[in-house]
Amino acid sequence: MATWAARADEQVVAPARPRSQPRVVKRERRVTGGVLSIAIVAALLAGVVATNVAVLRLNMKLDHLGREGADLKAQNAELSSQLSSAASAPRIQKLAAKQLGLQQATSDQTTYFKLSK
């Protein structure tokens, strides 16, 4: 059976490569490209984080404004209830009798006029 592995008694010699300046330049380019790509990814991640922080702040403001709106609606309902009770007829009659000494007219004290057209 044939194998790809070299036998122990055979020596495999790789061809010699001349070490020249372009080989070093490629390594520098790779390092520079790697650093540049890391910097770009870091800048993009910083942008994503900044965007998330801004969205979080806006959500907090929106939640605060929602709670404030609900409080204002509750206050409006309470004030409307107070206004309704303050304008009620029995309360006004009671105040008129107490403060001004007025009494409700009886049916024999009431007179009606007919106006001609």
N, C-alpha and C. Protein backbone atom coordinates (compact mmCIF):
# COMPACT_ATOMS: atom_id res chain seq x y z
N MET A 1 0.84 -1.15 0.00
CA MET A 1 0.00 0.00 0.00
C MET A 1 0.90 1.23 0.00
N ALA A 2 0.54 2.19 -0.80
CA ALA A 2 1.36 3.40 -0.90
C ALA A 2 0.93 4.41 0.13
N THR A 3 1.88 5.10 0.69
CA THR A 3 1.57 6.13 1.66
C THR A 3 2.22 7.43 1.25
N TRP A 4 1.71 8.47 1.77
CA TRP A 4 2.25 9.79 1.46
C TRP A 4 3.39 10.17 2.39
N ALA A 5 3.49 9.53 3.48
CA ALA A 5 4.52 9.87 4.44
C ALA A 5 5.89 9.45 3.90
N ALA A 6 6.88 10.23 4.20
CA ALA A 6 8.24 9.92 3.75
C ALA A 6 8.82 8.84 4.65
N ARG A 7 9.64 8.03 4.08
CA ARG A 7 10.26 6.98 4.85
C ARG A 7 11.33 7.58 5.74
N ALA A 8 11.67 6.84 6.76
CA ALA A 8 12.66 7.32 7.71
C ALA A 8 14.04 7.46 7.07
N ASP A 9 14.35 6.63 6.09
CA ASP A 9 15.67 6.71 5.49
C ASP A 9 15.76 7.76 4.40
N GLU A 10 14.63 8.24 3.93
CA GLU A 10 14.64 9.29 2.91
C GLU A 10 14.58 10.65 3.58
N GLN A 11 15.25 11.60 3.06
CA GLN A 11 15.24 12.95 3.60
C GLN A 11 14.47 13.85 2.63
N VAL A 12 13.54 14.56 3.18
CA VAL A 12 12.77 15.49 2.37
C VAL A 12 13.35 16.87 2.62
N VAL A 13 13.79 17.49 1.55
CA VAL A 13 14.39 18.80 1.68
C VAL A 13 13.47 19.79 0.99
N ALA A 14 13.06 20.79 1.73
CA ALA A 14 12.22 21.83 1.15
C ALA A 14 13.10 22.79 0.38
N PRO A 15 12.58 23.30 -0.72
CA PRO A 15 13.40 24.25 -1.49
C PRO A 15 13.64 25.51 -0.65
N ALA A 16 14.79 26.02 -0.73
CA ALA A 16 15.18 27.21 0.04
C ALA A 16 14.53 28.44 -0.56
N ARG A 17 13.95 29.25 0.32
CA ARG A 17 13.33 30.50 -0.14
C ARG A 17 14.26 31.64 0.22
N PRO A 18 14.45 32.48 -0.69
CA PRO A 18 15.30 33.64 -0.33
C PRO A 18 14.48 34.61 0.52
N ARG A 19 15.06 35.03 1.61
CA ARG A 19 14.38 35.99 2.47
C ARG A 19 14.70 37.38 1.96
N SER A 20 13.65 38.05 1.56
CA SER A 20 13.84 39.38 0.99
C SER A 20 12.92 40.37 1.67
N GLN A 21 13.04 41.60 1.32
CA GLN A 21 12.28 42.68 1.92
C GLN A 21 10.78 42.57 1.68
N PRO A 22 10.29 42.18 0.52
CA PRO A 22 8.84 42.10 0.32
C PRO A 22 8.15 41.17 1.31
N ARG A 23 8.79 40.12 1.74
CA ARG A 23 8.19 39.21 2.71
C ARG A 23 7.92 39.94 4.03
N VAL A 24 8.82 40.77 4.47
CA VAL A 24 8.67 41.53 5.70
C VAL A 24 7.57 42.58 5.52
N VAL A 25 7.49 43.19 4.35
CA VAL A 25 6.46 44.20 4.09
C VAL A 25 5.08 43.55 4.16
N LYS A 26 4.94 42.33 3.68
CA LYS A 26 3.65 41.64 3.76
C LYS A 26 3.25 41.41 5.20
N ARG A 27 4.21 41.03 6.04
CA ARG A 27 3.89 40.83 7.45
C ARG A 27 3.46 42.15 8.09
N GLU A 28 4.13 43.22 7.77
CA GLU A 28 3.75 44.52 8.32
C GLU A 28 2.36 44.92 7.83
N ARG A 29 2.09 44.65 6.59
CA ARG A 29 0.76 44.96 6.07
C ARG A 29 -0.30 44.13 6.78
N ARG A 30 0.01 42.88 7.03
CA ARG A 30 -0.95 42.04 7.72
C ARG A 30 -1.19 42.56 9.13
N VAL A 31 -0.14 42.93 9.81
CA VAL A 31 -0.28 43.46 11.16
C VAL A 31 -1.04 44.79 11.11
N THR A 32 -0.66 45.64 10.17
CA THR A 32 -1.35 46.92 10.04
C THR A 32 -2.82 46.70 9.68
N GLY A 33 -3.08 45.80 8.77
CA GLY A 33 -4.46 45.49 8.40
C GLY A 33 -5.23 44.91 9.57
N GLY A 34 -4.60 44.08 10.37
CA GLY A 34 -5.25 43.51 11.54
C GLY A 34 -5.57 44.57 12.57
N VAL A 35 -4.61 45.45 12.83
CA VAL A 35 -4.84 46.54 13.79
C VAL A 35 -5.92 47.48 13.28
N LEU A 36 -5.87 47.76 11.99
CA LEU A 36 -6.88 48.64 11.40
C LEU A 36 -8.27 48.00 11.47
N SER A 37 -8.36 46.72 11.19
CA SER A 37 -9.67 46.07 11.26
C SER A 37 -10.17 46.01 12.71
N ILE A 38 -9.27 45.80 13.66
CA ILE A 38 -9.67 45.80 15.08
C ILE A 38 -10.16 47.19 15.48
N ALA A 39 -9.48 48.23 15.01
CA ALA A 39 -9.90 49.60 15.33
C ALA A 39 -11.27 49.90 14.72
N ILE A 40 -11.52 49.44 13.51
CA ILE A 40 -12.81 49.68 12.86
C ILE A 40 -13.92 48.95 13.62
N VAL A 41 -13.66 47.69 13.98
CA VAL A 41 -14.67 46.92 14.73
C VAL A 41 -14.93 47.56 16.08
N ALA A 42 -13.86 48.04 16.75
CA ALA A 42 -14.03 48.71 18.04
C ALA A 42 -14.86 49.98 17.90
N ALA A 43 -14.61 50.75 16.83
CA ALA A 43 -15.38 51.97 16.60
C ALA A 43 -16.86 51.64 16.34
N LEU A 44 -17.10 50.59 15.56
CA LEU A 44 -18.49 50.19 15.30
C LEU A 44 -19.18 49.72 16.57
N LEU A 45 -18.47 48.96 17.40
CA LEU A 45 -19.06 48.51 18.65
C LEU A 45 -19.33 49.68 19.59
N ALA A 46 -18.42 50.65 19.60
CA ALA A 46 -18.65 51.84 20.43
C ALA A 46 -19.89 52.59 19.93
N GLY A 47 -20.08 52.64 18.63
CA GLY A 47 -21.27 53.28 18.08
C GLY A 47 -22.54 52.55 18.46
N VAL A 48 -22.49 51.23 18.44
CA VAL A 48 -23.66 50.43 18.84
C VAL A 48 -23.98 50.66 20.31
N VAL A 49 -22.94 50.68 21.15
CA VAL A 49 -23.15 50.91 22.58
C VAL A 49 -23.73 52.30 22.81
N ALA A 50 -23.18 53.31 22.13
CA ALA A 50 -23.69 54.67 22.28
C ALA A 50 -25.16 54.76 21.85
N THR A 51 -25.50 54.09 20.77
CA THR A 51 -26.88 54.09 20.31
C THR A 51 -27.80 53.42 21.33
N ASN A 52 -27.35 52.30 21.90
CA ASN A 52 -28.17 51.62 22.91
C ASN A 52 -28.36 52.47 24.16
N VAL A 53 -27.31 53.18 24.56
CA VAL A 53 -27.43 54.07 25.72
C VAL A 53 -28.43 55.19 25.44
N ALA A 54 -28.36 55.75 24.23
CA ALA A 54 -29.31 56.82 23.87
C ALA A 54 -30.74 56.30 23.86
N VAL A 55 -30.95 55.11 23.33
CA VAL A 55 -32.29 54.52 23.30
C VAL A 55 -32.78 54.24 24.72
N LEU A 56 -31.89 53.77 25.58
CA LEU A 56 -32.26 53.52 26.97
C LEU A 56 -32.68 54.80 27.67
N ARG A 57 -31.93 55.87 27.44
CA ARG A 57 -32.30 57.16 28.05
C ARG A 57 -33.66 57.64 27.55
N LEU A 58 -33.91 57.50 26.25
CA LEU A 58 -35.20 57.91 25.70
C LEU A 58 -36.33 57.06 26.27
N ASN A 59 -36.09 55.77 26.45
CA ASN A 59 -37.12 54.90 27.05
C ASN A 59 -37.40 55.31 28.49
N MET A 60 -36.36 55.70 29.22
CA MET A 60 -36.57 56.14 30.60
C MET A 60 -37.38 57.42 30.63
N LYS A 61 -37.08 58.36 29.72
CA LYS A 61 -37.86 59.60 29.65
C LYS A 61 -39.31 59.31 29.27
N LEU A 62 -39.49 58.39 28.32
CA LEU A 62 -40.84 58.04 27.89
C LEU A 62 -41.63 57.40 29.02
N ASP A 63 -40.99 56.55 29.79
CA ASP A 63 -41.64 55.93 30.94
C ASP A 63 -42.02 56.98 31.98
N HIS A 64 -41.10 57.91 32.23
CA HIS A 64 -41.38 58.99 33.21
C HIS A 64 -42.56 59.85 32.74
N LEU A 65 -42.56 60.20 31.45
CA LEU A 65 -43.65 61.01 30.92
C LEU A 65 -44.98 60.24 30.94
N GLY A 66 -44.93 58.94 30.71
CA GLY A 66 -46.14 58.13 30.79
C GLY A 66 -46.73 58.11 32.19
N ARG A 67 -45.83 57.96 33.19
CA ARG A 67 -46.30 57.99 34.58
C ARG A 67 -46.85 59.37 34.93
N GLU A 68 -46.18 60.42 34.47
CA GLU A 68 -46.66 61.78 34.74
C GLU A 68 -48.02 62.02 34.09
N GLY A 69 -48.20 61.52 32.87
CA GLY A 69 -49.49 61.65 32.19
C GLY A 69 -50.60 60.92 32.93
N ALA A 70 -50.29 59.73 33.44
CA ALA A 70 -51.29 58.98 34.21
C ALA A 70 -51.64 59.73 35.50
N ASP A 71 -50.64 60.33 36.16
CA ASP A 71 -50.92 61.12 37.36
C ASP A 71 -51.81 62.32 37.04
N LEU A 72 -51.53 62.98 35.93
CA LEU A 72 -52.34 64.14 35.55
C LEU A 72 -53.77 63.74 35.23
N LYS A 73 -53.95 62.58 34.58
CA LYS A 73 -55.31 62.11 34.29
C LYS A 73 -56.06 61.83 35.59
N ALA A 74 -55.37 61.25 36.56
CA ALA A 74 -56.01 60.97 37.86
C ALA A 74 -56.37 62.28 38.56
N GLN A 75 -55.50 63.28 38.49
CA GLN A 75 -55.80 64.58 39.10
C GLN A 75 -56.98 65.24 38.40
N ASN A 76 -57.04 65.14 37.08
CA ASN A 76 -58.17 65.71 36.34
C ASN A 76 -59.48 65.04 36.73
N ALA A 77 -59.46 63.72 36.89
CA ALA A 77 -60.67 63.02 37.31
C ALA A 77 -61.10 63.45 38.71
N GLU A 78 -60.13 63.62 39.60
CA GLU A 78 -60.46 64.05 40.97
C GLU A 78 -61.03 65.47 40.96
N LEU A 79 -60.42 66.37 40.19
CA LEU A 79 -60.92 67.75 40.11
C LEU A 79 -62.31 67.80 39.48
N SER A 80 -62.53 66.97 38.48
CA SER A 80 -63.86 66.91 37.85
C SER A 80 -64.90 66.44 38.85
N SER A 81 -64.53 65.48 39.67
CA SER A 81 -65.45 65.00 40.70
C SER A 81 -65.73 66.09 41.73
N GLN A 82 -64.71 66.82 42.13
CA GLN A 82 -64.89 67.92 43.08
C GLN A 82 -65.77 69.00 42.48
N LEU A 83 -65.57 69.32 41.21
CA LEU A 83 -66.39 70.34 40.54
C LEU A 83 -67.84 69.89 40.45
N SER A 84 -68.06 68.64 40.15
CA SER A 84 -69.42 68.12 40.06
C SER A 84 -70.13 68.19 41.41
N SER A 85 -69.41 67.82 42.46
CA SER A 85 -70.05 67.86 43.78
C SER A 85 -70.25 69.31 44.25
N ALA A 86 -69.36 70.22 43.85
CA ALA A 86 -69.51 71.62 44.25
C ALA A 86 -70.68 72.27 43.52
N ALA A 87 -71.00 71.80 42.33
CA ALA A 87 -72.08 72.40 41.55
C ALA A 87 -73.41 71.69 41.76
N SER A 88 -73.50 70.77 42.69
CA SER A 88 -74.74 70.03 42.89
C SER A 88 -75.81 70.94 43.51
N ALA A 89 -77.07 70.70 43.13
CA ALA A 89 -78.19 71.52 43.59
C ALA A 89 -78.40 71.44 45.11
N PRO A 90 -78.35 70.28 45.73
CA PRO A 90 -78.55 70.26 47.19
C PRO A 90 -77.50 71.06 47.95
N ARG A 91 -76.29 71.02 47.50
CA ARG A 91 -75.23 71.79 48.18
C ARG A 91 -75.48 73.28 48.03
N ILE A 92 -75.87 73.71 46.84
CA ILE A 92 -76.14 75.14 46.61
C ILE A 92 -77.33 75.59 47.45
N GLN A 93 -78.40 74.76 47.53
CA GLN A 93 -79.57 75.10 48.35
C GLN A 93 -79.18 75.21 49.82
N LYS A 94 -78.33 74.33 50.27
CA LYS A 94 -77.90 74.34 51.66
C LYS A 94 -77.10 75.62 51.96
N LEU A 95 -76.19 75.99 51.05
CA LEU A 95 -75.40 77.21 51.23
C LEU A 95 -76.28 78.46 51.18
N ALA A 96 -77.28 78.47 50.27
CA ALA A 96 -78.19 79.62 50.16
C ALA A 96 -79.01 79.78 51.44
N ALA A 97 -79.44 78.68 52.00
CA ALA A 97 -80.23 78.77 53.24
C ALA A 97 -79.37 79.19 54.41
N LYS A 98 -78.14 78.68 54.46
CA LYS A 98 -77.28 78.95 55.60
C LYS A 98 -76.69 80.37 55.56
N GLN A 99 -76.14 80.76 54.41
CA GLN A 99 -75.43 82.03 54.32
C GLN A 99 -76.35 83.21 54.02
N LEU A 100 -77.38 83.00 53.18
CA LEU A 100 -78.24 84.10 52.77
C LEU A 100 -79.62 84.07 53.42
N GLY A 101 -79.94 82.99 54.07
CA GLY A 101 -81.23 82.88 54.71
C GLY A 101 -82.37 82.65 53.74
N LEU A 102 -82.08 82.14 52.56
CA LEU A 102 -83.12 81.88 51.54
C LEU A 102 -83.75 80.52 51.77
N GLN A 103 -85.04 80.41 51.36
CA GLN A 103 -85.76 79.14 51.46
C GLN A 103 -86.40 78.87 50.12
N GLN A 104 -86.64 77.61 49.87
CA GLN A 104 -87.27 77.24 48.61
C GLN A 104 -88.74 77.64 48.65
N ALA A 105 -89.22 78.19 47.53
CA ALA A 105 -90.61 78.66 47.47
C ALA A 105 -91.56 77.48 47.39
N THR A 106 -92.70 77.64 48.05
CA THR A 106 -93.73 76.60 48.00
C THR A 106 -94.59 76.82 46.77
N SER A 107 -95.45 75.88 46.47
CA SER A 107 -96.27 75.98 45.25
C SER A 107 -97.28 77.12 45.33
N ASP A 108 -97.79 77.47 46.51
CA ASP A 108 -98.76 78.57 46.59
C ASP A 108 -98.06 79.93 46.51
N GLN A 109 -96.74 79.96 46.67
CA GLN A 109 -96.01 81.21 46.54
C GLN A 109 -95.50 81.43 45.12
N THR A 110 -95.72 80.49 44.24
CA THR A 110 -95.21 80.56 42.89
C THR A 110 -96.28 81.14 41.97
N THR A 111 -95.88 82.07 41.11
CA THR A 111 -96.78 82.70 40.16
C THR A 111 -96.19 82.52 38.73
N TYR A 112 -97.07 82.25 37.76
CA TYR A 112 -96.63 82.06 36.39
C TYR A 112 -97.21 83.16 35.52
N PHE A 113 -96.42 83.63 34.60
CA PHE A 113 -96.88 84.65 33.66
C PHE A 113 -96.88 84.05 32.27
N LYS A 114 -97.91 84.42 31.50
CA LYS A 114 -97.95 84.02 30.11
C LYS A 114 -97.59 85.21 29.27
N LEU A 115 -96.58 85.06 28.47
CA LEU A 115 -96.13 86.12 27.60
C LEU A 115 -96.71 85.90 26.21
N SER A 116 -97.23 86.99 25.66
CA SER A 116 -97.76 86.88 24.31
C SER A 116 -96.62 87.05 23.30
N LYS A 117 -96.82 86.46 22.17
CA LYS A 117 -95.77 86.53 21.15
C LYS A 117 -95.85 87.75 20.34
